[in-house]
Amino acid sequence: QVQLVESGGDLVQPGGSLRLSCTASGSIFRLYSMRWYRQAPGKEREFVASITSGGVLTNYADSVKGRFTISRVNTKNTLYLQMNSLKPEDTAVYYCNSASGDWGQGTQVTVSS
C-alpha cells in the first residue's frame, strides 16, 4: 500500500500558474506509474495526466495538453503537476493516484478573478 498526500492547491487568477505535489510513503513509489485526476463540483472524477514509473512516458487529457506538465522525482517519492495558463474550468479537487490503486485525499484548486 502506498500512502499519498497532495499539496499545493490554492486560489489563483485566470492565466496564473500552480504546482501541485504528491508525496508518497514507502520505497515502492518508483515501481508504479502515477496519475493525476480531478473532480469539479457536480461532475465525475476525470483523468488529467499520467506518467510511467521511470518518468519517460507521459499522457494528458486534451483539455490540459500544452498547459499542464506531469513529472516525478523518484528519489524524493514525489509526483508533480505544473499547471500554467489556468482557466476557471480547471477549478476542481485534484487527486493523485498510483497504479497500486491508492489515492490521496485531494487538494483544492480554484481559478477565479
N, C-alpha and C. Protein backbone atom coordinates (compact mmCIF):
# COMPACT_ATOMS: atom_id res chain seq x y z
N GLN A 1 0.85 -1.19 0.00
CA GLN A 1 0.00 0.00 0.00
C GLN A 1 0.88 1.24 0.00
N VAL A 2 0.46 2.24 -0.78
CA VAL A 2 1.18 3.49 -0.87
C VAL A 2 0.29 4.59 -0.31
N GLN A 3 0.80 5.34 0.64
CA GLN A 3 0.05 6.49 1.17
C GLN A 3 0.47 7.73 0.40
N LEU A 4 -0.53 8.48 -0.08
CA LEU A 4 -0.28 9.64 -0.94
C LEU A 4 -0.87 10.89 -0.29
N VAL A 5 -0.09 11.96 -0.30
CA VAL A 5 -0.53 13.24 0.27
C VAL A 5 -0.29 14.35 -0.75
N GLU A 6 -1.37 14.98 -1.21
CA GLU A 6 -1.26 16.08 -2.16
C GLU A 6 -1.12 17.40 -1.43
N SER A 7 -0.50 18.36 -2.10
CA SER A 7 -0.40 19.72 -1.57
C SER A 7 -0.21 20.68 -2.73
N GLY A 8 -0.34 21.97 -2.44
CA GLY A 8 -0.10 22.99 -3.45
C GLY A 8 -1.33 23.64 -4.02
N GLY A 9 -2.52 23.14 -3.69
CA GLY A 9 -3.73 23.76 -4.18
C GLY A 9 -3.92 25.15 -3.59
N ASP A 10 -4.57 26.01 -4.36
CA ASP A 10 -4.75 27.39 -3.90
C ASP A 10 -5.79 28.08 -4.77
N LEU A 11 -6.08 29.33 -4.43
CA LEU A 11 -6.91 30.21 -5.25
C LEU A 11 -5.96 31.00 -6.15
N VAL A 12 -6.22 30.97 -7.44
CA VAL A 12 -5.35 31.66 -8.39
C VAL A 12 -6.22 32.34 -9.46
N GLN A 13 -5.72 33.43 -10.01
CA GLN A 13 -6.46 34.15 -11.05
C GLN A 13 -6.32 33.44 -12.39
N PRO A 14 -7.29 33.63 -13.27
CA PRO A 14 -7.16 33.06 -14.62
C PRO A 14 -5.85 33.51 -15.28
N GLY A 15 -5.20 32.56 -15.95
CA GLY A 15 -3.91 32.85 -16.56
C GLY A 15 -2.74 32.57 -15.66
N GLY A 16 -3.01 32.31 -14.39
CA GLY A 16 -1.95 32.06 -13.43
C GLY A 16 -1.43 30.63 -13.47
N SER A 17 -0.50 30.36 -12.56
CA SER A 17 0.15 29.05 -12.50
C SER A 17 0.14 28.51 -11.07
N LEU A 18 0.16 27.18 -10.98
CA LEU A 18 0.31 26.49 -9.71
C LEU A 18 1.11 25.22 -9.95
N ARG A 19 1.80 24.76 -8.91
CA ARG A 19 2.44 23.46 -8.96
C ARG A 19 1.92 22.61 -7.82
N LEU A 20 1.30 21.50 -8.18
CA LEU A 20 0.83 20.55 -7.19
C LEU A 20 1.91 19.50 -6.94
N SER A 21 1.94 19.02 -5.70
CA SER A 21 2.85 17.95 -5.33
C SER A 21 2.07 16.79 -4.73
N CYS A 22 2.59 15.61 -4.87
CA CYS A 22 2.00 14.41 -4.27
C CYS A 22 3.17 13.61 -3.72
N THR A 23 3.23 13.52 -2.41
CA THR A 23 4.33 12.81 -1.76
C THR A 23 3.85 11.44 -1.30
N ALA A 24 4.65 10.42 -1.61
CA ALA A 24 4.28 9.04 -1.30
C ALA A 24 5.13 8.49 -0.17
N SER A 25 4.52 7.62 0.61
CA SER A 25 5.26 6.93 1.66
C SER A 25 5.89 5.67 1.10
N GLY A 26 6.88 5.15 1.80
CA GLY A 26 7.46 3.87 1.43
C GLY A 26 8.46 3.95 0.31
N SER A 27 9.00 2.80 -0.04
CA SER A 27 10.09 2.74 -1.02
C SER A 27 9.65 2.18 -2.36
N ILE A 28 8.34 1.97 -2.54
CA ILE A 28 7.89 1.33 -3.77
C ILE A 28 7.27 2.33 -4.74
N PHE A 29 7.32 3.61 -4.41
CA PHE A 29 6.75 4.65 -5.28
C PHE A 29 7.32 4.52 -6.68
N ARG A 30 8.61 4.27 -6.76
CA ARG A 30 9.30 4.25 -8.04
C ARG A 30 8.85 3.10 -8.95
N LEU A 31 8.15 2.14 -8.40
CA LEU A 31 7.73 0.98 -9.18
C LEU A 31 6.45 1.21 -9.97
N TYR A 32 5.70 2.25 -9.60
CA TYR A 32 4.36 2.42 -10.14
C TYR A 32 4.24 3.63 -11.06
N SER A 33 3.47 3.46 -12.13
CA SER A 33 3.04 4.63 -12.87
C SER A 33 2.09 5.43 -11.99
N MET A 34 2.00 6.71 -12.26
CA MET A 34 1.20 7.62 -11.43
C MET A 34 0.29 8.47 -12.31
N ARG A 35 -0.80 8.91 -11.72
CA ARG A 35 -1.78 9.71 -12.46
C ARG A 35 -2.28 10.86 -11.60
N TRP A 36 -2.72 11.92 -12.27
CA TRP A 36 -3.49 12.98 -11.64
C TRP A 36 -4.91 12.90 -12.19
N TYR A 37 -5.86 13.04 -11.32
CA TYR A 37 -7.27 13.16 -11.66
C TYR A 37 -7.79 14.45 -11.03
N ARG A 38 -8.97 14.86 -11.47
CA ARG A 38 -9.63 16.00 -10.84
C ARG A 38 -11.13 15.79 -10.83
N GLN A 39 -11.78 16.43 -9.88
CA GLN A 39 -13.22 16.36 -9.77
C GLN A 39 -13.78 17.73 -9.45
N ALA A 40 -14.57 18.24 -10.38
CA ALA A 40 -15.22 19.53 -10.19
C ALA A 40 -16.57 19.32 -9.50
N PRO A 41 -17.10 20.35 -8.86
CA PRO A 41 -18.40 20.19 -8.18
C PRO A 41 -19.47 19.72 -9.14
N GLY A 42 -20.18 18.67 -8.74
CA GLY A 42 -21.29 18.16 -9.53
C GLY A 42 -20.88 17.33 -10.73
N LYS A 43 -19.58 17.08 -10.87
CA LYS A 43 -19.10 16.31 -12.03
C LYS A 43 -18.36 15.05 -11.58
N GLU A 44 -18.19 14.13 -12.49
CA GLU A 44 -17.45 12.92 -12.19
C GLU A 44 -15.94 13.20 -12.20
N ARG A 45 -15.23 12.36 -11.47
CA ARG A 45 -13.77 12.47 -11.47
C ARG A 45 -13.25 12.17 -12.88
N GLU A 46 -12.29 13.00 -13.33
CA GLU A 46 -11.77 12.81 -14.68
C GLU A 46 -10.25 12.74 -14.68
N PHE A 47 -9.74 12.02 -15.65
CA PHE A 47 -8.30 11.86 -15.84
C PHE A 47 -7.69 13.18 -16.29
N VAL A 48 -6.51 13.50 -15.74
CA VAL A 48 -5.80 14.71 -16.14
C VAL A 48 -4.49 14.36 -16.85
N ALA A 49 -3.65 13.53 -16.19
CA ALA A 49 -2.34 13.23 -16.75
C ALA A 49 -1.79 11.97 -16.11
N SER A 50 -0.87 11.32 -16.82
CA SER A 50 -0.22 10.13 -16.28
C SER A 50 1.26 10.13 -16.64
N ILE A 51 2.03 9.36 -15.87
CA ILE A 51 3.47 9.25 -16.12
C ILE A 51 3.90 7.84 -15.74
N THR A 52 4.78 7.26 -16.54
CA THR A 52 5.25 5.91 -16.26
C THR A 52 6.20 5.89 -15.06
N SER A 53 6.51 4.71 -14.59
CA SER A 53 7.30 4.58 -13.36
C SER A 53 8.65 5.28 -13.45
N GLY A 54 9.27 5.19 -14.61
CA GLY A 54 10.57 5.82 -14.78
C GLY A 54 10.50 7.26 -15.24
N GLY A 55 9.30 7.72 -15.50
CA GLY A 55 9.12 9.11 -15.91
C GLY A 55 9.36 9.39 -17.37
N VAL A 56 9.50 8.34 -18.16
CA VAL A 56 9.84 8.54 -19.58
C VAL A 56 8.62 8.92 -20.41
N LEU A 57 7.50 8.26 -20.16
CA LEU A 57 6.31 8.48 -20.98
C LEU A 57 5.23 9.21 -20.19
N THR A 58 4.60 10.18 -20.83
CA THR A 58 3.51 10.93 -20.21
C THR A 58 2.32 10.97 -21.15
N ASN A 59 1.16 11.23 -20.56
CA ASN A 59 -0.07 11.32 -21.34
C ASN A 59 -0.96 12.35 -20.69
N TYR A 60 -1.73 13.09 -21.48
CA TYR A 60 -2.55 14.18 -20.97
C TYR A 60 -3.95 14.14 -21.55
N ALA A 61 -4.90 14.60 -20.77
CA ALA A 61 -6.23 14.86 -21.30
C ALA A 61 -6.14 16.01 -22.29
N ASP A 62 -6.98 15.97 -23.30
CA ASP A 62 -6.95 17.03 -24.31
C ASP A 62 -7.17 18.41 -23.71
N SER A 63 -7.96 18.47 -22.65
CA SER A 63 -8.32 19.76 -22.06
C SER A 63 -7.14 20.46 -21.38
N VAL A 64 -6.07 19.72 -21.07
CA VAL A 64 -4.93 20.31 -20.38
C VAL A 64 -3.64 20.24 -21.18
N LYS A 65 -3.69 19.58 -22.33
CA LYS A 65 -2.50 19.39 -23.14
C LYS A 65 -1.91 20.75 -23.53
N GLY A 66 -0.60 20.87 -23.35
CA GLY A 66 0.07 22.13 -23.68
C GLY A 66 0.08 23.14 -22.55
N ARG A 67 -0.71 22.90 -21.50
CA ARG A 67 -0.75 23.82 -20.35
C ARG A 67 -0.22 23.17 -19.07
N PHE A 68 -0.45 21.87 -18.93
CA PHE A 68 -0.03 21.15 -17.72
C PHE A 68 1.14 20.23 -18.04
N THR A 69 2.00 20.03 -17.05
CA THR A 69 3.13 19.11 -17.19
C THR A 69 3.23 18.23 -15.95
N ILE A 70 3.20 16.92 -16.18
CA ILE A 70 3.36 15.96 -15.09
C ILE A 70 4.82 15.54 -15.03
N SER A 71 5.35 15.39 -13.83
CA SER A 71 6.72 14.94 -13.66
C SER A 71 6.84 14.22 -12.32
N ARG A 72 7.99 13.59 -12.11
CA ARG A 72 8.21 12.89 -10.86
C ARG A 72 9.70 12.86 -10.53
N VAL A 73 9.99 12.80 -9.24
CA VAL A 73 11.36 12.61 -8.76
C VAL A 73 11.32 11.40 -7.84
N ASN A 74 11.74 10.28 -8.35
CA ASN A 74 11.60 9.04 -7.58
C ASN A 74 12.48 9.03 -6.32
N THR A 75 13.61 9.72 -6.36
CA THR A 75 14.46 9.77 -5.18
C THR A 75 13.83 10.57 -4.04
N LYS A 76 12.81 11.37 -4.38
CA LYS A 76 12.09 12.15 -3.37
C LYS A 76 10.69 11.60 -3.15
N ASN A 77 10.35 10.49 -3.81
CA ASN A 77 8.99 9.91 -3.69
C ASN A 77 7.91 10.94 -3.97
N THR A 78 8.12 11.78 -4.96
CA THR A 78 7.21 12.90 -5.20
C THR A 78 6.80 12.99 -6.67
N LEU A 79 5.51 13.22 -6.85
CA LEU A 79 4.89 13.45 -8.15
C LEU A 79 4.49 14.92 -8.22
N TYR A 80 4.61 15.53 -9.40
CA TYR A 80 4.27 16.93 -9.57
C TYR A 80 3.27 17.11 -10.70
N LEU A 81 2.55 18.23 -10.62
CA LEU A 81 1.73 18.69 -11.74
C LEU A 81 1.91 20.19 -11.84
N GLN A 82 2.64 20.63 -12.85
CA GLN A 82 2.81 22.06 -13.13
C GLN A 82 1.65 22.50 -14.00
N MET A 83 0.91 23.48 -13.53
CA MET A 83 -0.28 23.94 -14.23
C MET A 83 -0.09 25.41 -14.60
N ASN A 84 -0.09 25.69 -15.89
CA ASN A 84 0.07 27.04 -16.40
C ASN A 84 -1.18 27.47 -17.17
N SER A 85 -1.30 28.74 -17.40
CA SER A 85 -2.44 29.29 -18.15
C SER A 85 -3.76 28.74 -17.62
N LEU A 86 -3.92 28.81 -16.33
CA LEU A 86 -5.10 28.23 -15.70
C LEU A 86 -6.38 28.95 -16.11
N LYS A 87 -7.45 28.17 -16.22
CA LYS A 87 -8.75 28.66 -16.63
C LYS A 87 -9.76 28.37 -15.51
N PRO A 88 -10.85 29.11 -15.47
CA PRO A 88 -11.87 28.83 -14.45
C PRO A 88 -12.36 27.37 -14.50
N GLU A 89 -12.39 26.80 -15.67
CA GLU A 89 -12.86 25.41 -15.79
C GLU A 89 -11.86 24.39 -15.25
N ASP A 90 -10.67 24.84 -14.84
CA ASP A 90 -9.73 23.96 -14.18
C ASP A 90 -10.03 23.83 -12.68
N THR A 91 -10.97 24.61 -12.20
CA THR A 91 -11.35 24.55 -10.79
C THR A 91 -11.85 23.16 -10.44
N ALA A 92 -11.23 22.55 -9.44
CA ALA A 92 -11.58 21.18 -9.05
C ALA A 92 -10.72 20.76 -7.85
N VAL A 93 -11.08 19.63 -7.28
CA VAL A 93 -10.19 18.96 -6.33
C VAL A 93 -9.30 18.02 -7.15
N TYR A 94 -8.01 18.14 -6.96
CA TYR A 94 -7.05 17.34 -7.72
C TYR A 94 -6.52 16.21 -6.84
N TYR A 95 -6.51 15.02 -7.42
CA TYR A 95 -6.10 13.82 -6.71
C TYR A 95 -4.93 13.15 -7.43
N CYS A 96 -4.00 12.62 -6.67
CA CYS A 96 -3.01 11.75 -7.28
C CYS A 96 -3.40 10.30 -7.03
N ASN A 97 -3.01 9.47 -7.95
CA ASN A 97 -3.40 8.06 -7.95
C ASN A 97 -2.21 7.22 -8.40
N SER A 98 -1.98 6.15 -7.66
CA SER A 98 -0.91 5.23 -8.00
C SER A 98 -1.48 4.00 -8.71
N ALA A 99 -0.70 3.41 -9.56
CA ALA A 99 -1.12 2.17 -10.21
C ALA A 99 -1.30 1.04 -9.21
N SER A 100 -0.85 1.26 -7.98
CA SER A 100 -1.12 0.30 -6.90
C SER A 100 -2.56 0.33 -6.45
N GLY A 101 -3.31 1.36 -6.92
CA GLY A 101 -4.71 1.50 -6.56
C GLY A 101 -4.98 2.50 -5.46
N ASP A 102 -3.92 3.12 -4.95
CA ASP A 102 -4.09 4.07 -3.85
C ASP A 102 -4.37 5.48 -4.36
N TRP A 103 -5.09 6.24 -3.52
CA TRP A 103 -5.46 7.63 -3.83
C TRP A 103 -5.06 8.53 -2.67
N GLY A 104 -4.76 9.78 -3.01
CA GLY A 104 -4.57 10.78 -1.99
C GLY A 104 -5.91 11.37 -1.58
N GLN A 105 -5.86 12.33 -0.65
CA GLN A 105 -7.08 12.93 -0.13
C GLN A 105 -7.55 14.11 -0.98
N GLY A 106 -6.70 14.58 -1.86
CA GLY A 106 -7.07 15.67 -2.75
C GLY A 106 -6.61 17.04 -2.27
N THR A 107 -6.43 17.95 -3.21
CA THR A 107 -6.09 19.34 -2.90
C THR A 107 -6.93 20.25 -3.80
N GLN A 108 -7.48 21.31 -3.22
CA GLN A 108 -8.41 22.17 -3.94
C GLN A 108 -7.68 23.22 -4.78
N VAL A 109 -8.05 23.30 -6.04
CA VAL A 109 -7.56 24.34 -6.95
C VAL A 109 -8.77 25.16 -7.39
N THR A 110 -8.71 26.46 -7.14
CA THR A 110 -9.78 27.36 -7.55
C THR A 110 -9.20 28.44 -8.44
N VAL A 111 -9.75 28.56 -9.63
CA VAL A 111 -9.30 29.57 -10.59
C VAL A 111 -10.42 30.59 -10.75
N SER A 112 -10.18 31.77 -10.23
CA SER A 112 -11.23 32.79 -10.23
C SER A 112 -10.61 34.16 -10.07
N SER A 113 -11.27 35.16 -10.67
CA SER A 113 -10.82 36.54 -10.50
C SER A 113 -11.59 37.20 -9.36
